[in-house]
Amino acid sequence: MHWLQLSCSRCYSAVRSQGRQANRRCKGDRPCQDCAALLCLSAFAETPLDLAQKEARDTLADAEGAGDVYIINWAYWNIAWDYLTRGLMQEAEQWARRLVSSGRERDDGRALGLAYWTLAWIDVAIGRYDSAMLNADRCLRAAVTPWDEVIGAIAKATATLFNRDVQGLTRIQELRRWSSEHGTRYADGAMEGALAVGLVLSGRVREGIKFLESAIAARDADGFRSMAAWNRRYTQEAALMWGRIDRALKGAVAIDCAPLTKQRKSASEG
């Protein structure tokens, strides 16, 4: 997934350009092109909401017109994940449940695995840890790929940890070793914040905070803003488990203001 090193605009433009070239050779490539572009938009969380929603509508229309269930399911997931990265949890859950319905209608384990681990992460994000563990278990039962299994397992371990069960930290460490051995950088990144919170919960406060700050800086440097924002959310979890309500509130303000600060900077430079 080397494209994660690119900026959102460069990645999006490259996918669109390649898609146009492919379309000249094969008309059926359009839905795949649209879905890949939509994935870029959600991964980098830099696209205005109205543009992302337009891309979602166009992608679904093309996929439905082609009758391509695989692309339709990926479009559902991309839309759900994009809403999740924006903090729009109600919308994210609605689209994830559409993916559940699609998977059930077609007895599609891949769609169900995707949908349930997405629901599990939505639950984690809003503090429904018991529900997150249930959805993660549903993912693990339905999953047909190692990727869905590991992301479901990470969601379950994170929810366990945030429910103040230190066994979650042990499981996170096991999964990070697996991720390192298999080179799954995205999965590894998904565990950075949980590991930091686990270190704080186990009494290694300074180590956990330092690790989290380094992870945020690394993701910002990569241009992977959605993961950086996800890790910033963990600063609040870590602060709350440390008993520092003031720091948790400061972290919330920083998360809210970061995109606005960037927009103002861009406007002034323009």
Protein backbone atom coordinates (compact mmCIF):
# COMPACT_ATOMS: atom_id res chain seq x y z
CA MET A 1 0.00 0.00 0.00
CA HIS A 2 2.75 2.40 -1.01
CA TRP A 3 0.17 4.97 -2.14
CA LEU A 4 -0.38 5.80 1.51
CA GLN A 5 2.85 7.80 1.28
CA LEU A 6 1.33 10.15 -1.30
CA SER A 7 -0.75 13.21 -0.64
CA CYS A 8 -4.49 12.82 -1.09
CA SER A 9 -4.63 15.06 -4.15
CA ARG A 10 -1.74 13.29 -5.91
CA CYS A 11 -3.20 9.87 -5.20
CA TYR A 12 -6.70 10.87 -6.28
CA SER A 13 -5.42 12.45 -9.49
CA ALA A 14 -3.29 9.42 -10.31
CA VAL A 15 -6.18 7.01 -9.83
CA ARG A 16 -8.47 9.16 -11.96
CA SER A 17 -5.83 9.44 -14.72
CA GLN A 18 -5.16 5.71 -14.79
CA GLY A 19 -8.89 5.04 -14.74
CA ARG A 20 -9.48 7.25 -17.77
CA GLN A 21 -6.75 5.39 -19.68
CA ALA A 22 -8.30 2.07 -18.70
CA ASN A 23 -11.75 3.23 -19.76
CA ARG A 24 -10.47 3.85 -23.28
CA ARG A 25 -9.49 0.18 -23.40
CA CYS A 26 -12.44 -1.31 -21.50
CA LYS A 27 -15.70 0.43 -20.65
CA GLY A 28 -16.26 -1.89 -17.66
CA ASP A 29 -13.37 -0.40 -15.68
CA ARG A 30 -15.30 2.70 -14.63
CA PRO A 31 -16.79 1.30 -11.38
CA CYS A 32 -13.35 0.02 -10.27
CA GLN A 33 -11.82 3.41 -11.03
CA ASP A 34 -14.51 5.21 -9.03
CA CYS A 35 -14.21 2.87 -6.07
CA ALA A 36 -10.41 3.22 -5.96
CA ALA A 37 -10.74 7.00 -6.05
CA LEU A 38 -13.33 6.87 -3.27
CA LEU A 39 -10.93 4.81 -1.16
CA CYS A 40 -8.27 7.50 -1.58
CA LEU A 41 -10.71 10.16 -0.43
CA SER A 42 -11.64 8.26 2.73
CA ALA A 43 -8.09 7.15 3.58
CA PHE A 44 -6.70 10.67 3.68
CA ALA A 45 -9.72 12.45 5.17
CA GLU A 46 -8.77 15.69 3.40
CA THR A 47 -11.67 15.95 0.98
CA PRO A 48 -14.60 18.29 1.65
CA LEU A 49 -17.68 16.37 2.70
CA ASP A 50 -19.80 17.55 -0.25
CA LEU A 51 -17.21 16.30 -2.76
CA ALA A 52 -16.88 12.97 -0.97
CA GLN A 53 -20.66 12.54 -0.97
CA LYS A 54 -20.81 13.31 -4.71
CA GLU A 55 -18.10 10.73 -5.39
CA ALA A 56 -20.05 8.21 -3.33
CA ARG A 57 -23.23 8.82 -5.32
CA ASP A 58 -21.37 8.53 -8.63
CA THR A 59 -19.57 5.36 -7.57
CA LEU A 60 -22.78 3.66 -6.45
CA ALA A 61 -24.60 4.68 -9.62
CA ASP A 62 -21.84 3.25 -11.83
CA ALA A 63 -21.55 0.04 -9.79
CA GLU A 64 -25.30 -0.50 -9.70
CA GLY A 65 -25.54 0.22 -13.42
CA ALA A 66 -22.88 -2.41 -14.09
CA GLY A 67 -24.57 -4.85 -11.69
CA ASP A 68 -21.24 -5.37 -9.93
CA VAL A 69 -22.05 -6.54 -6.38
CA TYR A 70 -18.38 -6.65 -5.40
CA ILE A 71 -17.87 -2.97 -6.21
CA ILE A 72 -21.22 -2.05 -4.65
CA ASN A 73 -20.10 -3.66 -1.37
CA TRP A 74 -16.75 -1.88 -1.44
CA ALA A 75 -18.53 1.39 -2.10
CA TYR A 76 -20.73 0.81 0.96
CA TRP A 77 -17.63 0.17 3.05
CA ASN A 78 -15.73 3.19 1.69
CA ILE A 79 -18.65 5.48 2.44
CA ALA A 80 -19.04 4.08 5.96
CA TRP A 81 -15.34 4.45 6.67
CA ASP A 82 -15.21 7.97 5.31
CA TYR A 83 -18.01 9.01 7.66
CA LEU A 84 -16.19 7.30 10.52
CA THR A 85 -12.99 9.24 9.88
CA ARG A 86 -15.03 12.45 9.92
CA GLY A 87 -16.65 11.60 13.26
CA LEU A 88 -20.12 11.21 11.68
CA MET A 89 -20.91 7.98 13.49
CA GLN A 90 -24.64 7.78 12.84
CA GLU A 91 -24.08 7.99 9.07
CA ALA A 92 -21.15 5.56 9.29
CA GLU A 93 -23.29 3.01 11.09
CA GLN A 94 -26.13 3.35 8.58
CA TRP A 95 -23.83 2.54 5.65
CA ALA A 96 -22.11 -0.30 7.49
CA ARG A 97 -25.52 -1.86 8.15
CA ARG A 98 -26.37 -1.59 4.47
CA LEU A 99 -23.25 -3.67 3.89
CA VAL A 100 -24.47 -6.20 6.48
CA SER A 101 -27.80 -6.46 4.64
CA SER A 102 -26.05 -6.93 1.31
CA GLY A 103 -23.84 -9.65 2.76
CA ARG A 104 -26.76 -11.50 4.30
CA GLU A 105 -28.80 -11.37 1.10
CA ARG A 106 -25.99 -12.99 -0.85
CA ASP A 107 -24.43 -15.11 1.90
CA ASP A 108 -21.25 -13.13 1.23
CA GLY A 109 -18.70 -13.71 4.01
CA ARG A 110 -16.35 -11.04 2.70
CA ALA A 111 -19.05 -8.36 2.87
CA LEU A 112 -20.08 -9.49 6.36
CA GLY A 113 -16.49 -9.55 7.62
CA LEU A 114 -15.93 -6.00 6.37
CA ALA A 115 -19.23 -4.79 7.77
CA TYR A 116 -18.86 -6.26 11.24
CA TRP A 117 -15.33 -5.04 11.86
CA THR A 118 -16.41 -1.60 10.66
CA LEU A 119 -19.30 -1.66 13.14
CA ALA A 120 -16.88 -2.79 15.83
CA TRP A 121 -14.61 0.21 15.22
CA ILE A 122 -17.60 2.56 15.21
CA ASP A 123 -18.51 1.10 18.61
CA VAL A 124 -14.95 1.60 19.86
CA ALA A 125 -14.98 5.22 18.69
CA ILE A 126 -18.13 6.06 20.65
CA GLY A 127 -17.35 3.98 23.74
CA ARG A 128 -19.71 1.02 23.20
CA TYR A 129 -17.07 -1.50 24.13
CA ASP A 130 -19.36 -4.47 24.85
CA SER A 131 -21.06 -3.97 21.50
CA ALA A 132 -17.66 -3.62 19.82
CA MET A 133 -16.59 -7.02 21.14
CA LEU A 134 -19.84 -8.61 19.91
CA ASN A 135 -19.42 -7.15 16.44
CA ALA A 136 -15.76 -8.17 16.37
CA ASP A 137 -16.79 -11.74 17.23
CA ARG A 138 -19.37 -11.64 14.40
CA CYS A 139 -16.58 -10.53 12.08
CA LEU A 140 -14.31 -13.37 13.17
CA ARG A 141 -17.09 -15.92 12.56
CA ALA A 142 -17.94 -14.53 9.10
CA ALA A 143 -14.48 -13.54 7.84
CA VAL A 144 -13.09 -15.32 4.81
CA THR A 145 -9.77 -13.45 4.51
CA PRO A 146 -6.82 -13.14 6.91
CA TRP A 147 -7.10 -9.35 6.63
CA ASP A 148 -10.66 -9.25 7.94
CA GLU A 149 -9.71 -11.67 10.71
CA VAL A 150 -6.80 -9.54 11.91
CA ILE A 151 -8.72 -6.24 11.77
CA GLY A 152 -11.60 -7.84 13.66
CA ALA A 153 -9.15 -9.20 16.22
CA ILE A 154 -7.57 -5.76 16.65
CA ALA A 155 -10.98 -4.19 17.18
CA LYS A 156 -11.84 -6.79 19.82
CA ALA A 157 -8.51 -6.38 21.62
CA THR A 158 -8.87 -2.58 21.59
CA ALA A 159 -12.41 -2.76 22.99
CA THR A 160 -11.23 -5.20 25.66
CA LEU A 161 -8.43 -2.85 26.63
CA PHE A 162 -10.64 0.25 26.70
CA ASN A 163 -13.02 -1.68 28.92
CA ARG A 164 -10.11 -1.59 31.40
CA ASP A 165 -9.16 -5.23 30.93
CA VAL A 166 -5.35 -5.38 30.66
CA GLN A 167 -5.59 -8.69 28.79
CA GLY A 168 -6.37 -6.49 25.81
CA LEU A 169 -2.81 -5.12 25.96
CA THR A 170 -1.34 -8.62 25.79
CA ARG A 171 -3.46 -9.35 22.74
CA ILE A 172 -2.49 -6.06 21.07
CA GLN A 173 1.19 -6.90 21.55
CA GLU A 174 0.65 -10.36 20.03
CA LEU A 175 -1.13 -8.86 17.03
CA ARG A 176 1.60 -6.26 16.53
CA ARG A 177 4.19 -9.04 16.38
CA TRP A 178 2.07 -10.79 13.76
CA SER A 179 1.68 -7.54 11.83
CA SER A 180 5.42 -6.89 11.89
CA GLU A 181 6.17 -10.38 10.60
CA HIS A 182 3.70 -10.04 7.75
CA GLY A 183 4.42 -6.42 6.82
CA THR A 184 0.86 -5.14 7.25
CA ARG A 185 1.61 -1.48 7.91
CA TYR A 186 -2.02 -0.40 7.96
CA ALA A 187 -2.89 -2.95 10.62
CA ASP A 188 0.20 -1.97 12.57
CA GLY A 189 -0.88 1.67 12.46
CA ALA A 190 -4.35 0.76 13.69
CA MET A 191 -2.80 -0.58 16.90
CA GLU A 192 -0.55 2.35 17.75
CA GLY A 193 -3.09 4.26 19.80
CA ALA A 194 -4.39 1.17 21.59
CA LEU A 195 -0.86 0.16 22.55
CA ALA A 196 -0.21 3.63 23.96
CA VAL A 197 -3.41 3.52 26.02
CA GLY A 198 -2.47 0.05 27.25
CA LEU A 199 0.92 1.29 28.41
CA VAL A 200 -0.76 4.13 30.31
CA LEU A 201 -3.29 1.74 31.85
CA SER A 202 -0.49 -0.57 33.01
CA GLY A 203 1.30 2.31 34.75
CA ARG A 204 3.88 3.10 32.05
CA VAL A 205 2.44 6.57 31.52
CA ARG A 206 5.47 8.42 30.17
CA GLU A 207 6.32 5.63 27.75
CA GLY A 208 2.75 5.46 26.47
CA ILE A 209 2.39 9.20 25.90
CA LYS A 210 5.77 9.43 24.17
CA PHE A 211 4.95 6.49 21.92
CA LEU A 212 1.62 8.05 20.93
CA GLU A 213 3.14 11.45 20.18
CA SER A 214 5.77 9.77 17.95
CA ALA A 215 3.07 7.78 16.14
CA ILE A 216 1.04 10.92 15.43
CA ALA A 217 4.09 12.73 14.08
CA ALA A 218 4.98 9.78 11.85
CA ARG A 219 1.50 9.55 10.35
CA ASP A 220 1.38 13.30 9.75
CA ALA A 221 4.75 13.06 7.99
CA ASP A 222 3.41 10.22 5.81
CA GLY A 223 0.43 12.33 4.81
CA PHE A 224 -1.87 9.71 6.32
CA ARG A 225 -4.14 12.22 8.06
CA SER A 226 -7.01 9.88 8.90
CA MET A 227 -4.68 7.62 10.91
CA ALA A 228 -3.04 10.65 12.55
CA ALA A 229 -6.49 11.92 13.55
CA TRP A 230 -7.43 8.46 14.81
CA ASN A 231 -4.30 8.45 16.98
CA ARG A 232 -5.07 11.93 18.29
CA ARG A 233 -8.35 10.57 19.57
CA TYR A 234 -6.35 8.09 21.64
CA THR A 235 -4.67 10.99 23.45
CA GLN A 236 -8.05 11.55 25.11
CA GLU A 237 -8.41 7.89 26.07
CA ALA A 238 -4.90 7.86 27.49
CA ALA A 239 -5.49 11.08 29.44
CA LEU A 240 -8.77 9.80 30.90
CA MET A 241 -7.18 6.54 32.01
CA TRP A 242 -4.34 8.57 33.50
CA GLY A 243 -6.92 10.61 35.38
CA ARG A 244 -6.07 13.83 33.57
CA ILE A 245 -9.44 15.28 32.57
CA ASP A 246 -7.82 18.63 31.69
CA ARG A 247 -5.49 16.97 29.21
CA ALA A 248 -8.35 14.99 27.67
CA LEU A 249 -10.31 18.20 27.06
CA LYS A 250 -7.24 19.88 25.59
CA GLY A 251 -6.83 16.93 23.23
CA ALA A 252 -10.45 17.21 22.10
CA VAL A 253 -9.97 20.89 21.25
CA ALA A 254 -6.80 20.06 19.29
CA ILE A 255 -8.61 17.43 17.23
CA ASP A 256 -11.50 19.78 16.45
CA CYS A 257 -9.25 22.66 15.49
CA ALA A 258 -6.65 20.82 13.38
CA PRO A 259 -8.62 20.72 10.09
CA LEU A 260 -9.79 24.33 10.54
CA THR A 261 -6.23 25.49 11.16
CA LYS A 262 -5.09 23.77 7.97
CA GLN A 263 -7.92 25.34 5.94
CA ARG A 264 -7.06 28.81 7.24
CA LYS A 265 -3.40 28.29 6.42
CA SER A 266 -4.25 27.16 2.88
CA ALA A 267 -6.54 30.15 2.39
CA SER A 268 -3.89 32.59 3.56
CA GLU A 269 -1.28 31.03 1.29
CA GLY A 270 -3.69 31.20 -1.63
